């Protein structure tokens, strides 16, 4: 039985993860999600991706603890194995979150329920995060069971909320409700219906030039990982490239109209 379903809402592709009854992420689920996101990235008709949970009250609860426990038993006393050659195993969770962060199209997480551990790490890889106002648990509780966030949490969270606050959350294994998550900068908005709001933002973004959004996402995500001079050089080169696209020419022509200038 498939754990992932997709639906197109105009130019917005909705990807739903539903691993009933607990809503945990698994290796099989990660592989399915990877395929779904990859397909959305390749589809010319898709301009924005929205990810949400399909189990009531759960976005993605966390990564399956049973699978992690089995992995811990397998590596006990064993020498580290070299990475498997490409194509030997299905893409795993790390490949999934890296793909979400790198894909040229905006990805929005509609956090409609519990979102902890691997579930929150997946949300952190997304570009925008909208949480429900009734969500009670968002965070990284891994240190409570003797491990740490190993799916990107230690690297992405500090970039979003700063080192000091990230250390507090990660070391103490804290989870917070949706409203507090917004106050801390973990999510961008809180809404009564996070999926409806995510789709609304998706429609807004889908009306923008795809090339401009792709350049903006790539440049902004790389900004903190390289010297300022390198980033500025890339930005200037990329700006010249986007100015040669049809969507930029059309957008600039439209913006020359007085009514459109008032909106800027």
C-alpha atoms as a PDB file:
ATOM      1  CA  UNK A   1       0.000   0.000   0.000  1.00  0.00           C
ATOM      2  CA  UNK A   2       1.358   3.390  -0.985  1.00  0.00           C
ATOM      3  CA  UNK A   3       2.261   5.819   1.786  1.00  0.00           C
ATOM      4  CA  UNK A   4       2.271   8.858  -0.501  1.00  0.00           C
ATOM      5  CA  UNK A   5      -0.441  10.368  -2.665  1.00  0.00           C
ATOM      6  CA  UNK A   6      -0.366  13.381  -4.947  1.00  0.00           C
ATOM      7  CA  UNK A   7      -2.948  15.761  -6.341  1.00  0.00           C
ATOM      8  CA  UNK A   8      -2.617  18.780  -8.619  1.00  0.00           C
ATOM      9  CA  UNK A   9      -4.441  21.923  -7.604  1.00  0.00           C
ATOM     10  CA  UNK A  10      -3.821  23.960 -10.713  1.00  0.00           C
ATOM     11  CA  UNK A  11      -0.075  24.628 -10.832  1.00  0.00           C
ATOM     12  CA  UNK A  12       0.376  23.497  -7.214  1.00  0.00           C
ATOM     13  CA  UNK A  13       1.167  19.854  -6.550  1.00  0.00           C
ATOM     14  CA  UNK A  14      -0.006  18.537  -3.194  1.00  0.00           C
ATOM     15  CA  UNK A  15       2.038  15.643  -1.773  1.00  0.00           C
ATOM     16  CA  UNK A  16       0.414  13.841   1.159  1.00  0.00           C
ATOM     17  CA  UNK A  17       2.288  11.457   3.464  1.00  0.00           C
ATOM     18  CA  UNK A  18       0.024   9.012   5.300  1.00  0.00           C
ATOM     19  CA  UNK A  19       1.565   6.133   7.243  1.00  0.00           C
ATOM     20  CA  UNK A  20      -1.380   5.076   9.393  1.00  0.00           C
ATOM     21  CA  UNK A  21      -1.915   4.763  12.243  1.00  0.00           C
ATOM     22  CA  UNK A  22       1.096   6.533  13.752  1.00  0.00           C
ATOM     23  CA  UNK A  23       2.278   8.732  10.897  1.00  0.00           C
ATOM     24  CA  UNK A  24       5.964   7.862  11.265  1.00  0.00           C
ATOM     25  CA  UNK A  25       8.534   8.266   8.513  1.00  0.00           C
ATOM     26  CA  UNK A  26      10.123   5.044   7.276  1.00  0.00           C
ATOM     27  CA  UNK A  27      12.733   4.069   4.722  1.00  0.00           C
ATOM     28  CA  UNK A  28       9.964   2.994   2.348  1.00  0.00           C
ATOM     29  CA  UNK A  29       8.097   6.246   2.977  1.00  0.00           C
ATOM     30  CA  UNK A  30      11.194   8.334   2.363  1.00  0.00           C
ATOM     31  CA  UNK A  31      11.789   6.567  -0.955  1.00  0.00           C
ATOM     32  CA  UNK A  32       8.188   7.176  -2.016  1.00  0.00           C
ATOM     33  CA  UNK A  33       8.379  10.805  -0.972  1.00  0.00           C
ATOM     34  CA  UNK A  34      11.632  11.234  -2.901  1.00  0.00           C
ATOM     35  CA  UNK A  35       9.998   9.878  -6.051  1.00  0.00           C
ATOM     36  CA  UNK A  36       6.988  12.147  -5.600  1.00  0.00           C
ATOM     37  CA  UNK A  37       9.072  15.283  -5.068  1.00  0.00           C
ATOM     38  CA  UNK A  38      11.389  14.381  -7.933  1.00  0.00           C
ATOM     39  CA  UNK A  39       8.421  13.892 -10.268  1.00  0.00           C
ATOM     40  CA  UNK A  40       6.952  17.236  -9.212  1.00  0.00           C
ATOM     41  CA  UNK A  41      10.265  18.903  -9.925  1.00  0.00           C
ATOM     42  CA  UNK A  42      10.335  17.498 -13.456  1.00  0.00           C
ATOM     43  CA  UNK A  43       6.692  18.301 -14.296  1.00  0.00           C
ATOM     44  CA  UNK A  44       6.519  21.499 -16.345  1.00  0.00           C
ATOM     45  CA  UNK A  45       2.921  22.091 -15.267  1.00  0.00           C
ATOM     46  CA  UNK A  46       3.876  22.126 -11.568  1.00  0.00           C
ATOM     47  CA  UNK A  47       5.149  25.448 -10.238  1.00  0.00           C
ATOM     48  CA  UNK A  48       4.900  24.944  -6.451  1.00  0.00           C
ATOM     49  CA  UNK A  49       4.938  21.904  -4.154  1.00  0.00           C
ATOM     50  CA  UNK A  50       2.945  21.610  -0.903  1.00  0.00           C
ATOM     51  CA  UNK A  51       3.705  18.770   1.523  1.00  0.00           C
ATOM     52  CA  UNK A  52       1.279  17.764   4.272  1.00  0.00           C
ATOM     53  CA  UNK A  53       0.221  14.818   6.430  1.00  0.00           C
ATOM     54  CA  UNK A  54      -2.635  12.455   5.683  1.00  0.00           C
ATOM     55  CA  UNK A  55      -3.155  10.921   9.137  1.00  0.00           C
ATOM     56  CA  UNK A  56      -5.539  13.054  11.249  1.00  0.00           C
ATOM     57  CA  UNK A  57      -3.614  15.180  13.731  1.00  0.00           C
ATOM     58  CA  UNK A  58      -0.212  14.238  12.302  1.00  0.00           C
ATOM     59  CA  UNK A  59       2.083  15.891   9.751  1.00  0.00           C
ATOM     60  CA  UNK A  60       4.932  13.411  10.181  1.00  0.00           C
ATOM     61  CA  UNK A  61       5.208  12.235  13.758  1.00  0.00           C
ATOM     62  CA  UNK A  62       8.923  11.326  13.677  1.00  0.00           C
ATOM     63  CA  UNK A  63      11.188   8.751  12.043  1.00  0.00           C
ATOM     64  CA  UNK A  64      10.230   5.174  12.879  1.00  0.00           C
ATOM     65  CA  UNK A  65      12.012   4.317  16.144  1.00  0.00           C
ATOM     66  CA  UNK A  66      11.877   0.600  15.372  1.00  0.00           C
ATOM     67  CA  UNK A  67      13.879   1.104  12.186  1.00  0.00           C
ATOM     68  CA  UNK A  68      16.412   3.250  14.043  1.00  0.00           C
ATOM     69  CA  UNK A  69      16.701   0.648  16.810  1.00  0.00           C
ATOM     70  CA  UNK A  70      17.340  -2.097  14.256  1.00  0.00           C
ATOM     71  CA  UNK A  71      19.989   0.071  12.610  1.00  0.00           C
ATOM     72  CA  UNK A  72      21.681   0.632  15.979  1.00  0.00           C
ATOM     73  CA  UNK A  73      21.794  -3.113  16.595  1.00  0.00           C
ATOM     74  CA  UNK A  74      23.273  -3.767  13.153  1.00  0.00           C
ATOM     75  CA  UNK A  75      26.115  -1.287  13.569  1.00  0.00           C
ATOM     76  CA  UNK A  76      26.966  -2.356  17.138  1.00  0.00           C
ATOM     77  CA  UNK A  77      30.598  -3.449  17.078  1.00  0.00           C
ATOM     78  CA  UNK A  78      30.709  -3.466  13.293  1.00  0.00           C
ATOM     79  CA  UNK A  79      33.202  -1.501  11.219  1.00  0.00           C
ATOM     80  CA  UNK A  80      31.704   1.423   9.289  1.00  0.00           C
ATOM     81  CA  UNK A  81      30.588   0.340   5.855  1.00  0.00           C
ATOM     82  CA  UNK A  82      31.558   2.346   2.768  1.00  0.00           C
ATOM     83  CA  UNK A  83      28.701   4.215   1.071  1.00  0.00           C
ATOM     84  CA  UNK A  84      26.702   2.076  -1.320  1.00  0.00           C
ATOM     85  CA  UNK A  85      27.193   2.880  -5.014  1.00  0.00           C
ATOM     86  CA  UNK A  86      24.477   5.070  -6.561  1.00  0.00           C
ATOM     87  CA  UNK A  87      21.408   3.137  -7.587  1.00  0.00           C
ATOM     88  CA  UNK A  88      21.985   0.183  -5.257  1.00  0.00           C
ATOM     89  CA  UNK A  89      19.429   1.313  -2.673  1.00  0.00           C
ATOM     90  CA  UNK A  90      16.352   3.542  -2.966  1.00  0.00           C
ATOM     91  CA  UNK A  91      16.975   7.196  -2.030  1.00  0.00           C
ATOM     92  CA  UNK A  92      16.738   7.578   1.746  1.00  0.00           C
ATOM     93  CA  UNK A  93      15.647  10.323   4.108  1.00  0.00           C
ATOM     94  CA  UNK A  94      18.812  12.402   3.701  1.00  0.00           C
ATOM     95  CA  UNK A  95      18.430  12.363  -0.068  1.00  0.00           C
ATOM     96  CA  UNK A  96      14.795  13.410   0.337  1.00  0.00           C
ATOM     97  CA  UNK A  97      15.508  16.455   2.510  1.00  0.00           C
ATOM     98  CA  UNK A  98      18.432  17.486   0.306  1.00  0.00           C
ATOM     99  CA  UNK A  99      16.177  17.268  -2.747  1.00  0.00           C
ATOM    100  CA  UNK A 100      13.477  19.404  -1.106  1.00  0.00           C
ATOM    101  CA  UNK A 101      16.032  22.063  -0.218  1.00  0.00           C
ATOM    102  CA  UNK A 102      17.704  22.055  -3.645  1.00  0.00           C
ATOM    103  CA  UNK A 103      14.765  21.670  -6.011  1.00  0.00           C
ATOM    104  CA  UNK A 104      14.151  24.808  -8.060  1.00  0.00           C
ATOM    105  CA  UNK A 105      10.465  25.066  -7.181  1.00  0.00           C
ATOM    106  CA  UNK A 106       9.178  26.500  -3.882  1.00  0.00           C
ATOM    107  CA  UNK A 107       8.222  23.824  -1.359  1.00  0.00           C
ATOM    108  CA  UNK A 108       5.735  24.631   1.419  1.00  0.00           C
ATOM    109  CA  UNK A 109       5.120  22.464   4.485  1.00  0.00           C
ATOM    110  CA  UNK A 110       1.511  22.529   5.688  1.00  0.00           C
ATOM    111  CA  UNK A 111       2.061  21.299   9.248  1.00  0.00           C
ATOM    112  CA  UNK A 112      -1.373  19.966  10.134  1.00  0.00           C
ATOM    113  CA  UNK A 113      -0.440  17.973  13.228  1.00  0.00           C
ATOM    114  CA  UNK A 114       2.397  16.463  15.242  1.00  0.00           C
ATOM    115  CA  UNK A 115       5.746  17.291  13.652  1.00  0.00           C
ATOM    116  CA  UNK A 116       8.754  15.976  15.537  1.00  0.00           C
ATOM    117  CA  UNK A 117      12.183  14.541  14.859  1.00  0.00           C
ATOM    118  CA  UNK A 118      12.472  13.468  11.233  1.00  0.00           C
ATOM    119  CA  UNK A 119       9.099  15.037  10.489  1.00  0.00           C
ATOM    120  CA  UNK A 120      10.327  18.421  11.630  1.00  0.00           C
ATOM    121  CA  UNK A 121      13.643  17.929   9.847  1.00  0.00           C
ATOM    122  CA  UNK A 122      11.709  17.419   6.624  1.00  0.00           C
ATOM    123  CA  UNK A 123       9.737  20.605   7.352  1.00  0.00           C
ATOM    124  CA  UNK A 124      12.993  22.487   8.004  1.00  0.00           C
ATOM    125  CA  UNK A 125      14.164  21.524   4.506  1.00  0.00           C
ATOM    126  CA  UNK A 126      11.067  23.168   3.029  1.00  0.00           C
ATOM    127  CA  UNK A 127      11.146  26.829   2.007  1.00  0.00           C
ATOM    128  CA  UNK A 128       8.046  27.907   3.925  1.00  0.00           C
ATOM    129  CA  UNK A 129       6.286  26.353   6.922  1.00  0.00           C
ATOM    130  CA  UNK A 130       2.633  26.945   7.848  1.00  0.00           C
ATOM    131  CA  UNK A 131       1.442  25.374  11.117  1.00  0.00           C
ATOM    132  CA  UNK A 132      -2.045  24.730  12.379  1.00  0.00           C
ATOM    133  CA  UNK A 133      -3.153  26.727  15.407  1.00  0.00           C
ATOM    134  CA  UNK A 134      -4.105  23.502  17.204  1.00  0.00           C
ATOM    135  CA  UNK A 135      -0.766  21.730  16.619  1.00  0.00           C
ATOM    136  CA  UNK A 136       0.750  20.855  20.004  1.00  0.00           C
ATOM    137  CA  UNK A 137       4.147  19.321  19.203  1.00  0.00           C
ATOM    138  CA  UNK A 138       6.771  20.738  16.829  1.00  0.00           C
ATOM    139  CA  UNK A 139      10.438  20.112  17.556  1.00  0.00           C
ATOM    140  CA  UNK A 140      13.399  17.792  17.897  1.00  0.00           C
ATOM    141  CA  UNK A 141      13.108  15.476  20.929  1.00  0.00           C
ATOM    142  CA  UNK A 142      15.850  13.010  19.906  1.00  0.00           C
ATOM    143  CA  UNK A 143      18.178  13.640  22.849  1.00  0.00           C
ATOM    144  CA  UNK A 144      15.470  12.293  25.155  1.00  0.00           C
ATOM    145  CA  UNK A 145      16.189   8.797  23.807  1.00  0.00           C
ATOM    146  CA  UNK A 146      19.972   9.012  23.638  1.00  0.00           C
ATOM    147  CA  UNK A 147      20.505  10.117  20.037  1.00  0.00           C
ATOM    148  CA  UNK A 148      20.442  13.501  18.278  1.00  0.00           C
ATOM    149  CA  UNK A 149      18.724  14.960  15.200  1.00  0.00           C
ATOM    150  CA  UNK A 150      20.595  13.209  12.399  1.00  0.00           C
ATOM    151  CA  UNK A 151      18.399  14.171   9.443  1.00  0.00           C
ATOM    152  CA  UNK A 152      19.601  17.737   9.068  1.00  0.00           C
ATOM    153  CA  UNK A 153      18.271  19.212  12.300  1.00  0.00           C
ATOM    154  CA  UNK A 154      21.624  20.231  13.798  1.00  0.00           C
ATOM    155  CA  UNK A 155      22.530  22.064  10.587  1.00  0.00           C
ATOM    156  CA  UNK A 156      19.285  23.590   9.338  1.00  0.00           C
ATOM    157  CA  UNK A 157      17.747  24.683  12.630  1.00  0.00           C
ATOM    158  CA  UNK A 158      20.619  27.060  13.625  1.00  0.00           C
ATOM    159  CA  UNK A 159      20.390  28.684  10.212  1.00  0.00           C
ATOM    160  CA  UNK A 160      16.720  29.402  10.827  1.00  0.00           C
ATOM    161  CA  UNK A 161      16.545  30.471  14.481  1.00  0.00           C
ATOM    162  CA  UNK A 162      20.188  31.033  15.427  1.00  0.00           C
ATOM    163  CA  UNK A 163      22.726  28.930  17.293  1.00  0.00           C
ATOM    164  CA  UNK A 164      21.697  29.769  20.872  1.00  0.00           C
ATOM    165  CA  UNK A 165      18.007  28.979  20.451  1.00  0.00           C
ATOM    166  CA  UNK A 166      18.785  25.902  18.349  1.00  0.00           C
ATOM    167  CA  UNK A 167      21.116  24.549  21.033  1.00  0.00           C
ATOM    168  CA  UNK A 168      18.394  24.981  23.641  1.00  0.00           C
ATOM    169  CA  UNK A 169      15.843  23.109  21.541  1.00  0.00           C
ATOM    170  CA  UNK A 170      18.181  20.305  20.476  1.00  0.00           C
ATOM    171  CA  UNK A 171      20.014  19.681  23.762  1.00  0.00           C
ATOM    172  CA  UNK A 172      16.828  19.744  25.831  1.00  0.00           C
ATOM    173  CA  UNK A 173      14.764  17.890  23.230  1.00  0.00           C
ATOM    174  CA  UNK A 174      12.078  20.545  23.291  1.00  0.00           C
ATOM    175  CA  UNK A 175       8.804  20.550  21.392  1.00  0.00           C
ATOM    176  CA  UNK A 176       6.451  23.522  21.199  1.00  0.00           C
ATOM    177  CA  UNK A 177       2.929  24.300  20.041  1.00  0.00           C
ATOM    178  CA  UNK A 178       2.217  25.995  16.728  1.00  0.00           C
ATOM    179  CA  UNK A 179       1.785  29.517  18.105  1.00  0.00           C
ATOM    180  CA  UNK A 180       5.039  29.314  20.063  1.00  0.00           C
ATOM    181  CA  UNK A 181       6.763  27.899  16.989  1.00  0.00           C
ATOM    182  CA  UNK A 182       5.802  31.026  15.074  1.00  0.00           C
ATOM    183  CA  UNK A 183       7.064  33.275  17.865  1.00  0.00           C
ATOM    184  CA  UNK A 184      10.415  31.472  17.741  1.00  0.00           C
ATOM    185  CA  UNK A 185      10.672  31.638  13.958  1.00  0.00           C
ATOM    186  CA  UNK A 186      10.318  27.881  13.483  1.00  0.00           C
ATOM    187  CA  UNK A 187       7.297  28.417  11.231  1.00  0.00           C
ATOM    188  CA  UNK A 188       6.327  31.408   9.140  1.00  0.00           C
ATOM    189  CA  UNK A 189       2.601  31.481   9.870  1.00  0.00           C
ATOM    190  CA  UNK A 190      -0.039  29.845  12.034  1.00  0.00           C
ATOM    191  CA  UNK A 191      -3.459  29.236  10.503  1.00  0.00           C
ATOM    192  CA  UNK A 192      -6.697  27.540  11.457  1.00  0.00           C
ATOM    193  CA  UNK A 193      -6.419  25.524   8.229  1.00  0.00           C
ATOM    194  CA  UNK A 194      -2.704  25.218   7.395  1.00  0.00           C
ATOM    195  CA  UNK A 195      -3.297  23.288   4.180  1.00  0.00           C
ATOM    196  CA  UNK A 196      -5.715  25.886   2.823  1.00  0.00           C
ATOM    197  CA  UNK A 197      -3.258  28.657   3.683  1.00  0.00           C
ATOM    198  CA  UNK A 198      -0.326  26.765   2.131  1.00  0.00           C
ATOM    199  CA  UNK A 199      -2.317  26.243  -1.056  1.00  0.00           C
ATOM    200  CA  UNK A 200      -3.252  29.929  -1.080  1.00  0.00           C
ATOM    201  CA  UNK A 201       0.428  30.903  -0.877  1.00  0.00           C
ATOM    202  CA  UNK A 202       1.184  28.275  -3.500  1.00  0.00           C
ATOM    203  CA  UNK A 203      -1.257  29.876  -5.941  1.00  0.00           C
ATOM    204  CA  UNK A 204       0.361  33.246  -5.239  1.00  0.00           C
ATOM    205  CA  UNK A 205       3.856  31.902  -5.975  1.00  0.00           C
ATOM    206  CA  UNK A 206       2.676  30.010  -9.049  1.00  0.00           C
ATOM    207  CA  UNK A 207       1.663  33.343 -10.593  1.00  0.00           C
ATOM    208  CA  UNK A 208       5.275  34.564 -10.439  1.00  0.00           C
ATOM    209  CA  UNK A 209       8.018  33.930 -12.971  1.00  0.00           C
ATOM    210  CA  UNK A 210       9.412  30.437 -12.413  1.00  0.00           C
ATOM    211  CA  UNK A 211      12.965  31.432 -13.301  1.00  0.00           C
ATOM    212  CA  UNK A 212      12.977  34.362 -10.895  1.00  0.00           C
ATOM    213  CA  UNK A 213      11.777  32.158  -8.052  1.00  0.00           C
ATOM    214  CA  UNK A 214      14.337  29.469  -8.870  1.00  0.00           C
ATOM    215  CA  UNK A 215      17.226  31.949  -8.859  1.00  0.00           C
ATOM    216  CA  UNK A 216      15.924  33.579  -5.665  1.00  0.00           C
ATOM    217  CA  UNK A 217      15.671  30.245  -3.839  1.00  0.00           C
ATOM    218  CA  UNK A 218      19.105  29.034  -4.877  1.00  0.00           C
ATOM    219  CA  UNK A 219      20.878  32.300  -4.062  1.00  0.00           C
ATOM    220  CA  UNK A 220      19.179  32.812  -0.706  1.00  0.00           C
ATOM    221  CA  UNK A 221      19.828  29.235   0.428  1.00  0.00           C
ATOM    222  CA  UNK A 222      23.520  29.556  -0.460  1.00  0.00           C
ATOM    223  CA  UNK A 223      23.966  32.978   1.162  1.00  0.00           C
ATOM    224  CA  UNK A 224      25.243  31.797   4.556  1.00  0.00           C
ATOM    225  CA  UNK A 225      27.487  29.062   3.171  1.00  0.00           C
ATOM    226  CA  UNK A 226      30.018  31.190   1.293  1.00  0.00           C
ATOM    227  CA  UNK A 227      31.835  34.543   1.489  1.00  0.00           C
ATOM    228  CA  UNK A 228      29.738  37.620   0.797  1.00  0.00           C
ATOM    229  CA  UNK A 229      31.824  38.566  -2.249  1.00  0.00           C
ATOM    230  CA  UNK A 230      31.176  35.166  -3.829  1.00  0.00           C
ATOM    231  CA  UNK A 231      27.464  35.419  -3.191  1.00  0.00           C
ATOM    232  CA  UNK A 232      27.253  38.917  -4.622  1.00  0.00           C
ATOM    233  CA  UNK A 233      29.145  37.862  -7.734  1.00  0.00           C
ATOM    234  CA  UNK A 234      26.756  34.951  -8.251  1.00  0.00           C
ATOM    235  CA  UNK A 235      23.753  37.199  -7.638  1.00  0.00           C
ATOM    236  CA  UNK A 236      24.894  39.732 -10.256  1.00  0.00           C
ATOM    237  CA  UNK A 237      25.578  37.024 -12.806  1.00  0.00           C
ATOM    238  CA  UNK A 238      22.225  35.378 -12.087  1.00  0.00           C
ATOM    239  CA  UNK A 239      20.388  38.685 -12.337  1.00  0.00           C
ATOM    240  CA  UNK A 240      21.730  39.111 -15.844  1.00  0.00           C
ATOM    241  CA  UNK A 241      20.521  35.600 -16.678  1.00  0.00           C
ATOM    242  CA  UNK A 242      17.014  36.114 -15.311  1.00  0.00           C
ATOM    243  CA  UNK A 243      16.674  39.401 -17.175  1.00  0.00           C
ATOM    244  CA  UNK A 244      16.980  37.436 -20.405  1.00  0.00           C
ATOM    245  CA  UNK A 245      13.951  35.245 -19.615  1.00  0.00           C
ATOM    246  CA  UNK A 246      10.526  35.783 -21.140  1.00  0.00           C
ATOM    247  CA  UNK A 247       8.835  35.834 -17.732  1.00  0.00           C
ATOM    248  CA  UNK A 248      11.070  38.687 -16.550  1.00  0.00           C
ATOM    249  CA  UNK A 249      10.430  40.732 -19.684  1.00  0.00           C
ATOM    250  CA  UNK A 250       6.691  40.215 -19.339  1.00  0.00           C
ATOM    251  CA  UNK A 251       6.708  41.027 -15.635  1.00  0.00           C
ATOM    252  CA  UNK A 252       8.702  44.209 -16.155  1.00  0.00           C
ATOM    253  CA  UNK A 253       6.442  45.338 -19.004  1.00  0.00           C
ATOM    254  CA  UNK A 254       3.391  44.782 -16.808  1.00  0.00           C
ATOM    255  CA  UNK A 255       4.977  46.562 -13.837  1.00  0.00           C
ATOM    256  CA  UNK A 256       5.475  49.681 -15.924  1.00  0.00           C
ATOM    257  CA  UNK A 257       1.727  50.246 -15.769  1.00  0.00           C
ATOM    258  CA  UNK A 258       0.745  52.791 -13.054  1.00  0.00           C
ATOM    259  CA  UNK A 259      -1.692  50.402 -11.366  1.00  0.00           C
ATOM    260  CA  UNK A 260       0.988  47.754 -11.010  1.00  0.00           C
ATOM    261  CA  UNK A 261       3.571  50.224  -9.708  1.00  0.00           C
ATOM    262  CA  UNK A 262       1.180  51.061  -6.866  1.00  0.00           C
ATOM    263  CA  UNK A 263       1.259  47.393  -5.768  1.00  0.00           C
ATOM    264  CA  UNK A 264       5.062  47.223  -5.468  1.00  0.00           C
END
